[in-house]
């Protein structure tokens, strides 16, 4: 049985890169490049006009980036599948793209055969991930769930970040110094650290801590 010809658009703000992808797929008889776009806004308009089977979309582009474009394309009337093709493989980039509705995430070192196979799989609605991307996602899923800090623990840690002693923290938050120590011990256990400085660094890195210097919350201790 003859394979159906898939209609594809290529979206990338770099003209040379876009031309390279188009040339790469030119030898594939089952893939027809029906349009090109240089930014996310053009991509959305192209999808609305052409309703291609698959949109190959870069992430970082002017006007509208790849994630925003993916969100709009997926929410639109066309049943176009979005396949991200980028050089970026950070956890944040991957998560944003997947959450936006992309069915696949490939890196630009992908071979022609891999890209063509990925396009066909994406058109069928199958999830397609570059091996390196899949490894990152699996590793992230295997990490232990991070314990959340309570509002009062955040207050205490913010005070630590401000350089206050336990006694000063107690006065700021109107709680006993012993209570401050108890909160800190709980914070150390949740963040798997052994000292105040490391606790602040880890909390900031994980986005668990508000900006140092912010005032206490209204929650009771």
C-alpha atoms as a PDB file:
ATOM      1  CA  UNK A   1       0.000   0.000   0.000  1.00  0.00           C
ATOM      2  CA  UNK A   2       1.319   3.435  -0.939  1.00  0.00           C
ATOM      3  CA  UNK A   3       2.164   5.615   2.046  1.00  0.00           C
ATOM      4  CA  UNK A   4       0.021   8.775   2.243  1.00  0.00           C
ATOM      5  CA  UNK A   5       1.865  12.007   1.517  1.00  0.00           C
ATOM      6  CA  UNK A   6       2.108  14.144   4.636  1.00  0.00           C
ATOM      7  CA  UNK A   7       1.825  17.906   4.349  1.00  0.00           C
ATOM      8  CA  UNK A   8       4.433  19.621   6.527  1.00  0.00           C
ATOM      9  CA  UNK A   9       5.459  23.191   7.352  1.00  0.00           C
ATOM     10  CA  UNK A  10       8.906  24.161   8.663  1.00  0.00           C
ATOM     11  CA  UNK A  11       9.130  26.932  11.245  1.00  0.00           C
ATOM     12  CA  UNK A  12      12.528  28.415  12.133  1.00  0.00           C
ATOM     13  CA  UNK A  13      13.795  31.997  12.305  1.00  0.00           C
ATOM     14  CA  UNK A  14      17.169  31.005  10.839  1.00  0.00           C
ATOM     15  CA  UNK A  15      16.821  30.980   7.060  1.00  0.00           C
ATOM     16  CA  UNK A  16      19.809  28.677   6.496  1.00  0.00           C
ATOM     17  CA  UNK A  17      18.593  26.166   9.076  1.00  0.00           C
ATOM     18  CA  UNK A  18      15.087  26.230   7.580  1.00  0.00           C
ATOM     19  CA  UNK A  19      16.462  25.698   4.094  1.00  0.00           C
ATOM     20  CA  UNK A  20      18.581  22.835   5.393  1.00  0.00           C
ATOM     21  CA  UNK A  21      15.568  21.036   6.870  1.00  0.00           C
ATOM     22  CA  UNK A  22      13.591  21.534   3.656  1.00  0.00           C
ATOM     23  CA  UNK A  23      16.483  20.176   1.584  1.00  0.00           C
ATOM     24  CA  UNK A  24      16.906  17.276   3.993  1.00  0.00           C
ATOM     25  CA  UNK A  25      13.294  16.203   3.541  1.00  0.00           C
ATOM     26  CA  UNK A  26      13.158  16.811  -0.212  1.00  0.00           C
ATOM     27  CA  UNK A  27      14.235  13.222  -0.870  1.00  0.00           C
ATOM     28  CA  UNK A  28      11.309  11.836   1.121  1.00  0.00           C
ATOM     29  CA  UNK A  29       8.463  11.010  -1.317  1.00  0.00           C
ATOM     30  CA  UNK A  30       5.929  10.700   1.489  1.00  0.00           C
ATOM     31  CA  UNK A  31       6.616  14.205   2.832  1.00  0.00           C
ATOM     32  CA  UNK A  32       5.574  17.410   1.092  1.00  0.00           C
ATOM     33  CA  UNK A  33       6.835  20.722   2.500  1.00  0.00           C
ATOM     34  CA  UNK A  34       3.866  23.014   1.854  1.00  0.00           C
ATOM     35  CA  UNK A  35       5.070  26.113   3.685  1.00  0.00           C
ATOM     36  CA  UNK A  36       7.761  27.869   5.709  1.00  0.00           C
ATOM     37  CA  UNK A  37       7.603  30.422   8.507  1.00  0.00           C
ATOM     38  CA  UNK A  38      10.238  32.571  10.195  1.00  0.00           C
ATOM     39  CA  UNK A  39       8.479  33.109  13.516  1.00  0.00           C
ATOM     40  CA  UNK A  40       5.704  31.693  15.659  1.00  0.00           C
ATOM     41  CA  UNK A  41       3.054  34.161  14.550  1.00  0.00           C
ATOM     42  CA  UNK A  42       3.653  33.303  10.894  1.00  0.00           C
ATOM     43  CA  UNK A  43       3.467  29.630  11.833  1.00  0.00           C
ATOM     44  CA  UNK A  44       0.037  29.999  13.445  1.00  0.00           C
ATOM     45  CA  UNK A  45      -1.276  31.898  10.417  1.00  0.00           C
ATOM     46  CA  UNK A  46       0.212  29.279   8.083  1.00  0.00           C
ATOM     47  CA  UNK A  47      -1.474  26.455   9.977  1.00  0.00           C
ATOM     48  CA  UNK A  48      -4.808  28.282   9.886  1.00  0.00           C
ATOM     49  CA  UNK A  49      -4.476  28.726   6.134  1.00  0.00           C
ATOM     50  CA  UNK A  50      -2.961  25.386   5.082  1.00  0.00           C
ATOM     51  CA  UNK A  51      -3.954  22.937   7.873  1.00  0.00           C
ATOM     52  CA  UNK A  52      -0.808  20.806   7.411  1.00  0.00           C
ATOM     53  CA  UNK A  53      -0.491  17.390   9.006  1.00  0.00           C
ATOM     54  CA  UNK A  54       2.663  18.311  10.926  1.00  0.00           C
ATOM     55  CA  UNK A  55       4.409  21.547  11.893  1.00  0.00           C
ATOM     56  CA  UNK A  56       8.157  21.310  12.561  1.00  0.00           C
ATOM     57  CA  UNK A  57       8.690  24.142  15.029  1.00  0.00           C
ATOM     58  CA  UNK A  58      11.826  25.688  16.514  1.00  0.00           C
ATOM     59  CA  UNK A  59      11.637  26.905  20.129  1.00  0.00           C
ATOM     60  CA  UNK A  60      13.342  30.272  20.308  1.00  0.00           C
ATOM     61  CA  UNK A  61      11.977  32.670  17.717  1.00  0.00           C
ATOM     62  CA  UNK A  62      10.969  36.336  17.552  1.00  0.00           C
ATOM     63  CA  UNK A  63       7.391  37.704  17.692  1.00  0.00           C
ATOM     64  CA  UNK A  64       5.988  34.442  19.102  1.00  0.00           C
ATOM     65  CA  UNK A  65       8.219  31.669  20.422  1.00  0.00           C
ATOM     66  CA  UNK A  66       7.767  27.978  19.717  1.00  0.00           C
ATOM     67  CA  UNK A  67       5.904  27.185  22.927  1.00  0.00           C
ATOM     68  CA  UNK A  68       3.375  30.001  22.452  1.00  0.00           C
ATOM     69  CA  UNK A  69       2.938  29.043  18.807  1.00  0.00           C
ATOM     70  CA  UNK A  70       2.401  25.408  19.775  1.00  0.00           C
ATOM     71  CA  UNK A  71      -0.268  26.421  22.295  1.00  0.00           C
ATOM     72  CA  UNK A  72      -2.169  28.381  19.644  1.00  0.00           C
ATOM     73  CA  UNK A  73      -1.806  25.723  16.964  1.00  0.00           C
ATOM     74  CA  UNK A  74      -3.037  22.949  19.259  1.00  0.00           C
ATOM     75  CA  UNK A  75      -5.984  25.083  20.384  1.00  0.00           C
ATOM     76  CA  UNK A  76      -6.938  25.943  16.800  1.00  0.00           C
ATOM     77  CA  UNK A  77      -9.357  24.131  14.492  1.00  0.00           C
ATOM     78  CA  UNK A  78      -6.674  22.456  12.374  1.00  0.00           C
ATOM     79  CA  UNK A  79      -5.603  18.989  13.509  1.00  0.00           C
ATOM     80  CA  UNK A  80      -1.949  19.815  12.931  1.00  0.00           C
ATOM     81  CA  UNK A  81       0.532  17.949  15.109  1.00  0.00           C
ATOM     82  CA  UNK A  82       3.449  19.986  16.433  1.00  0.00           C
ATOM     83  CA  UNK A  83       6.913  18.456  16.428  1.00  0.00           C
ATOM     84  CA  UNK A  84       9.593  20.567  18.125  1.00  0.00           C
ATOM     85  CA  UNK A  85      12.947  20.654  16.334  1.00  0.00           C
ATOM     86  CA  UNK A  86      15.512  22.599  18.321  1.00  0.00           C
ATOM     87  CA  UNK A  87      19.039  22.724  19.723  1.00  0.00           C
ATOM     88  CA  UNK A  88      17.837  23.190  23.323  1.00  0.00           C
ATOM     89  CA  UNK A  89      17.379  20.199  25.616  1.00  0.00           C
ATOM     90  CA  UNK A  90      17.004  21.686  29.098  1.00  0.00           C
ATOM     91  CA  UNK A  91      14.332  20.309  31.434  1.00  0.00           C
ATOM     92  CA  UNK A  92      12.466  23.615  31.421  1.00  0.00           C
ATOM     93  CA  UNK A  93      12.350  23.849  27.615  1.00  0.00           C
ATOM     94  CA  UNK A  94      11.197  20.242  27.236  1.00  0.00           C
ATOM     95  CA  UNK A  95       8.489  20.557  29.872  1.00  0.00           C
ATOM     96  CA  UNK A  96       7.138  23.811  28.448  1.00  0.00           C
ATOM     97  CA  UNK A  97       6.893  22.321  24.962  1.00  0.00           C
ATOM     98  CA  UNK A  98       5.193  19.116  26.120  1.00  0.00           C
ATOM     99  CA  UNK A  99       2.768  21.038  28.333  1.00  0.00           C
ATOM    100  CA  UNK A 100       1.913  23.282  25.369  1.00  0.00           C
ATOM    101  CA  UNK A 101       0.789  20.209  23.414  1.00  0.00           C
ATOM    102  CA  UNK A 102       3.749  19.214  21.233  1.00  0.00           C
ATOM    103  CA  UNK A 103       3.640  15.499  20.360  1.00  0.00           C
ATOM    104  CA  UNK A 104       7.382  15.296  19.905  1.00  0.00           C
ATOM    105  CA  UNK A 105      10.703  16.898  20.759  1.00  0.00           C
ATOM    106  CA  UNK A 106      13.715  16.395  18.499  1.00  0.00           C
ATOM    107  CA  UNK A 107      17.173  17.934  18.457  1.00  0.00           C
ATOM    108  CA  UNK A 108      18.789  19.376  15.363  1.00  0.00           C
ATOM    109  CA  UNK A 109      21.424  16.649  15.218  1.00  0.00           C
ATOM    110  CA  UNK A 110      18.657  14.271  14.102  1.00  0.00           C
ATOM    111  CA  UNK A 111      19.367  12.349  10.885  1.00  0.00           C
ATOM    112  CA  UNK A 112      17.125  12.531   7.808  1.00  0.00           C
ATOM    113  CA  UNK A 113      15.819   9.022   8.400  1.00  0.00           C
ATOM    114  CA  UNK A 114      15.044   9.775  12.053  1.00  0.00           C
ATOM    115  CA  UNK A 115      13.344  13.062  11.173  1.00  0.00           C
ATOM    116  CA  UNK A 116      11.193  11.496   8.471  1.00  0.00           C
ATOM    117  CA  UNK A 117      10.191   8.646  10.766  1.00  0.00           C
ATOM    118  CA  UNK A 118       9.395  11.122  13.533  1.00  0.00           C
ATOM    119  CA  UNK A 119       7.174  13.165  11.210  1.00  0.00           C
ATOM    120  CA  UNK A 120       5.241  10.067  10.202  1.00  0.00           C
ATOM    121  CA  UNK A 121       4.872   9.016  13.851  1.00  0.00           C
ATOM    122  CA  UNK A 122       3.793  12.524  14.867  1.00  0.00           C
ATOM    123  CA  UNK A 123       1.153  12.554  12.132  1.00  0.00           C
ATOM    124  CA  UNK A 124      -0.285   9.399  13.707  1.00  0.00           C
ATOM    125  CA  UNK A 125      -0.399  11.179  17.068  1.00  0.00           C
ATOM    126  CA  UNK A 126       2.460   9.173  18.547  1.00  0.00           C
ATOM    127  CA  UNK A 127       4.905  10.715  21.017  1.00  0.00           C
ATOM    128  CA  UNK A 128       8.361  11.170  19.530  1.00  0.00           C
ATOM    129  CA  UNK A 129      11.348  12.070  21.690  1.00  0.00           C
ATOM    130  CA  UNK A 130      15.033  12.340  20.873  1.00  0.00           C
ATOM    131  CA  UNK A 131      16.950   9.745  22.944  1.00  0.00           C
ATOM    132  CA  UNK A 132      18.706  12.468  24.960  1.00  0.00           C
ATOM    133  CA  UNK A 133      15.389  14.170  25.670  1.00  0.00           C
ATOM    134  CA  UNK A 134      13.765  10.894  26.724  1.00  0.00           C
ATOM    135  CA  UNK A 135      16.668  10.230  29.096  1.00  0.00           C
ATOM    136  CA  UNK A 136      16.241  13.648  30.717  1.00  0.00           C
ATOM    137  CA  UNK A 137      12.512  13.132  31.203  1.00  0.00           C
ATOM    138  CA  UNK A 138      12.992   9.669  32.713  1.00  0.00           C
ATOM    139  CA  UNK A 139      15.720  10.974  35.037  1.00  0.00           C
ATOM    140  CA  UNK A 140      13.460  13.823  36.133  1.00  0.00           C
ATOM    141  CA  UNK A 141      10.587  11.434  36.843  1.00  0.00           C
ATOM    142  CA  UNK A 142      12.857   9.264  38.979  1.00  0.00           C
ATOM    143  CA  UNK A 143      13.878  12.141  41.243  1.00  0.00           C
ATOM    144  CA  UNK A 144      12.262  12.057  44.673  1.00  0.00           C
ATOM    145  CA  UNK A 145       9.300  14.367  45.093  1.00  0.00           C
ATOM    146  CA  UNK A 146      10.443  17.605  46.677  1.00  0.00           C
ATOM    147  CA  UNK A 147       8.821  18.358  50.026  1.00  0.00           C
ATOM    148  CA  UNK A 148       7.093  21.720  50.063  1.00  0.00           C
ATOM    149  CA  UNK A 149       7.967  24.285  52.711  1.00  0.00           C
ATOM    150  CA  UNK A 150       5.184  25.697  54.847  1.00  0.00           C
ATOM    151  CA  UNK A 151       4.507  29.441  54.818  1.00  0.00           C
ATOM    152  CA  UNK A 152       6.150  29.823  58.231  1.00  0.00           C
ATOM    153  CA  UNK A 153       9.223  27.831  57.140  1.00  0.00           C
ATOM    154  CA  UNK A 154       9.569  30.178  54.194  1.00  0.00           C
ATOM    155  CA  UNK A 155       9.316  33.155  56.578  1.00  0.00           C
ATOM    156  CA  UNK A 156      12.089  31.702  58.737  1.00  0.00           C
ATOM    157  CA  UNK A 157      14.298  30.923  55.735  1.00  0.00           C
ATOM    158  CA  UNK A 158      13.770  34.410  54.316  1.00  0.00           C
ATOM    159  CA  UNK A 159      14.937  35.808  57.623  1.00  0.00           C
ATOM    160  CA  UNK A 160      17.996  33.553  57.508  1.00  0.00           C
ATOM    161  CA  UNK A 161      18.695  34.881  54.010  1.00  0.00           C
ATOM    162  CA  UNK A 162      18.533  38.392  55.482  1.00  0.00           C
ATOM    163  CA  UNK A 163      21.341  37.416  57.877  1.00  0.00           C
ATOM    164  CA  UNK A 164      19.253  37.332  61.051  1.00  0.00           C
ATOM    165  CA  UNK A 165      20.155  35.185  64.056  1.00  0.00           C
ATOM    166  CA  UNK A 166      17.629  32.795  65.563  1.00  0.00           C
ATOM    167  CA  UNK A 167      16.858  35.328  68.292  1.00  0.00           C
ATOM    168  CA  UNK A 168      16.325  38.088  65.713  1.00  0.00           C
ATOM    169  CA  UNK A 169      14.115  35.801  63.629  1.00  0.00           C
ATOM    170  CA  UNK A 170      12.027  35.068  66.689  1.00  0.00           C
ATOM    171  CA  UNK A 171      11.559  38.778  67.306  1.00  0.00           C
ATOM    172  CA  UNK A 172      10.690  39.464  63.656  1.00  0.00           C
ATOM    173  CA  UNK A 173       8.111  36.681  63.480  1.00  0.00           C
ATOM    174  CA  UNK A 174       6.978  37.026  67.106  1.00  0.00           C
ATOM    175  CA  UNK A 175       7.742  33.389  67.929  1.00  0.00           C
ATOM    176  CA  UNK A 176      10.031  31.764  70.482  1.00  0.00           C
ATOM    177  CA  UNK A 177      13.673  31.124  69.579  1.00  0.00           C
ATOM    178  CA  UNK A 178      13.096  27.411  70.248  1.00  0.00           C
ATOM    179  CA  UNK A 179      10.292  27.469  67.647  1.00  0.00           C
ATOM    180  CA  UNK A 180      12.668  29.053  65.150  1.00  0.00           C
ATOM    181  CA  UNK A 181      15.117  26.188  65.723  1.00  0.00           C
ATOM    182  CA  UNK A 182      12.329  23.647  65.237  1.00  0.00           C
ATOM    183  CA  UNK A 183      11.324  25.231  61.924  1.00  0.00           C
ATOM    184  CA  UNK A 184      14.937  25.244  60.763  1.00  0.00           C
ATOM    185  CA  UNK A 185      15.417  21.583  61.631  1.00  0.00           C
ATOM    186  CA  UNK A 186      12.332  20.721  59.576  1.00  0.00           C
ATOM    187  CA  UNK A 187      13.646  22.803  56.685  1.00  0.00           C
ATOM    188  CA  UNK A 188      17.032  21.041  56.860  1.00  0.00           C
ATOM    189  CA  UNK A 189      15.293  17.649  56.737  1.00  0.00           C
ATOM    190  CA  UNK A 190      13.072  18.604  53.792  1.00  0.00           C
ATOM    191  CA  UNK A 191      15.939  20.051  51.776  1.00  0.00           C
ATOM    192  CA  UNK A 192      18.456  17.384  52.854  1.00  0.00           C
ATOM    193  CA  UNK A 193      20.992  19.954  54.069  1.00  0.00           C
ATOM    194  CA  UNK A 194      22.952  20.424  57.302  1.00  0.00           C
ATOM    195  CA  UNK A 195      23.371  24.177  57.649  1.00  0.00           C
ATOM    196  CA  UNK A 196      21.552  27.475  57.239  1.00  0.00           C
ATOM    197  CA  UNK A 197      23.532  28.777  54.269  1.00  0.00           C
ATOM    198  CA  UNK A 198      23.064  25.600  52.258  1.00  0.00           C
ATOM    199  CA  UNK A 199      19.346  25.635  53.093  1.00  0.00           C
ATOM    200  CA  UNK A 200      18.959  29.108  51.578  1.00  0.00           C
ATOM    201  CA  UNK A 201      20.981  28.193  48.483  1.00  0.00           C
ATOM    202  CA  UNK A 202      18.999  24.994  47.829  1.00  0.00           C
ATOM    203  CA  UNK A 203      15.637  26.682  48.468  1.00  0.00           C
ATOM    204  CA  UNK A 204      16.466  29.507  46.057  1.00  0.00           C
ATOM    205  CA  UNK A 205      17.689  27.025  43.448  1.00  0.00           C
ATOM    206  CA  UNK A 206      14.429  25.062  43.674  1.00  0.00           C
ATOM    207  CA  UNK A 207      12.263  28.152  43.612  1.00  0.00           C
ATOM    208  CA  UNK A 208      10.904  27.399  47.080  1.00  0.00           C
ATOM    209  CA  UNK A 209      12.051  30.656  48.615  1.00  0.00           C
ATOM    210  CA  UNK A 210      10.693  34.117  47.953  1.00  0.00           C
ATOM    211  CA  UNK A 211      13.114  36.969  47.413  1.00  0.00           C
ATOM    212  CA  UNK A 212      15.344  37.580  50.453  1.00  0.00           C
ATOM    213  CA  UNK A 213      14.162  40.555  52.409  1.00  0.00           C
ATOM    214  CA  UNK A 214      10.441  39.994  51.894  1.00  0.00           C
ATOM    215  CA  UNK A 215       8.341  40.323  54.989  1.00  0.00           C
ATOM    216  CA  UNK A 216       6.658  37.559  56.952  1.00  0.00           C
ATOM    217  CA  UNK A 217       3.379  36.035  55.892  1.00  0.00           C
ATOM    218  CA  UNK A 218       0.177  36.313  57.844  1.00  0.00           C
ATOM    219  CA  UNK A 219       0.079  32.590  58.598  1.00  0.00           C
ATOM    220  CA  UNK A 220       0.286  31.578  62.239  1.00  0.00           C
ATOM    221  CA  UNK A 221       3.345  29.726  63.431  1.00  0.00           C
END
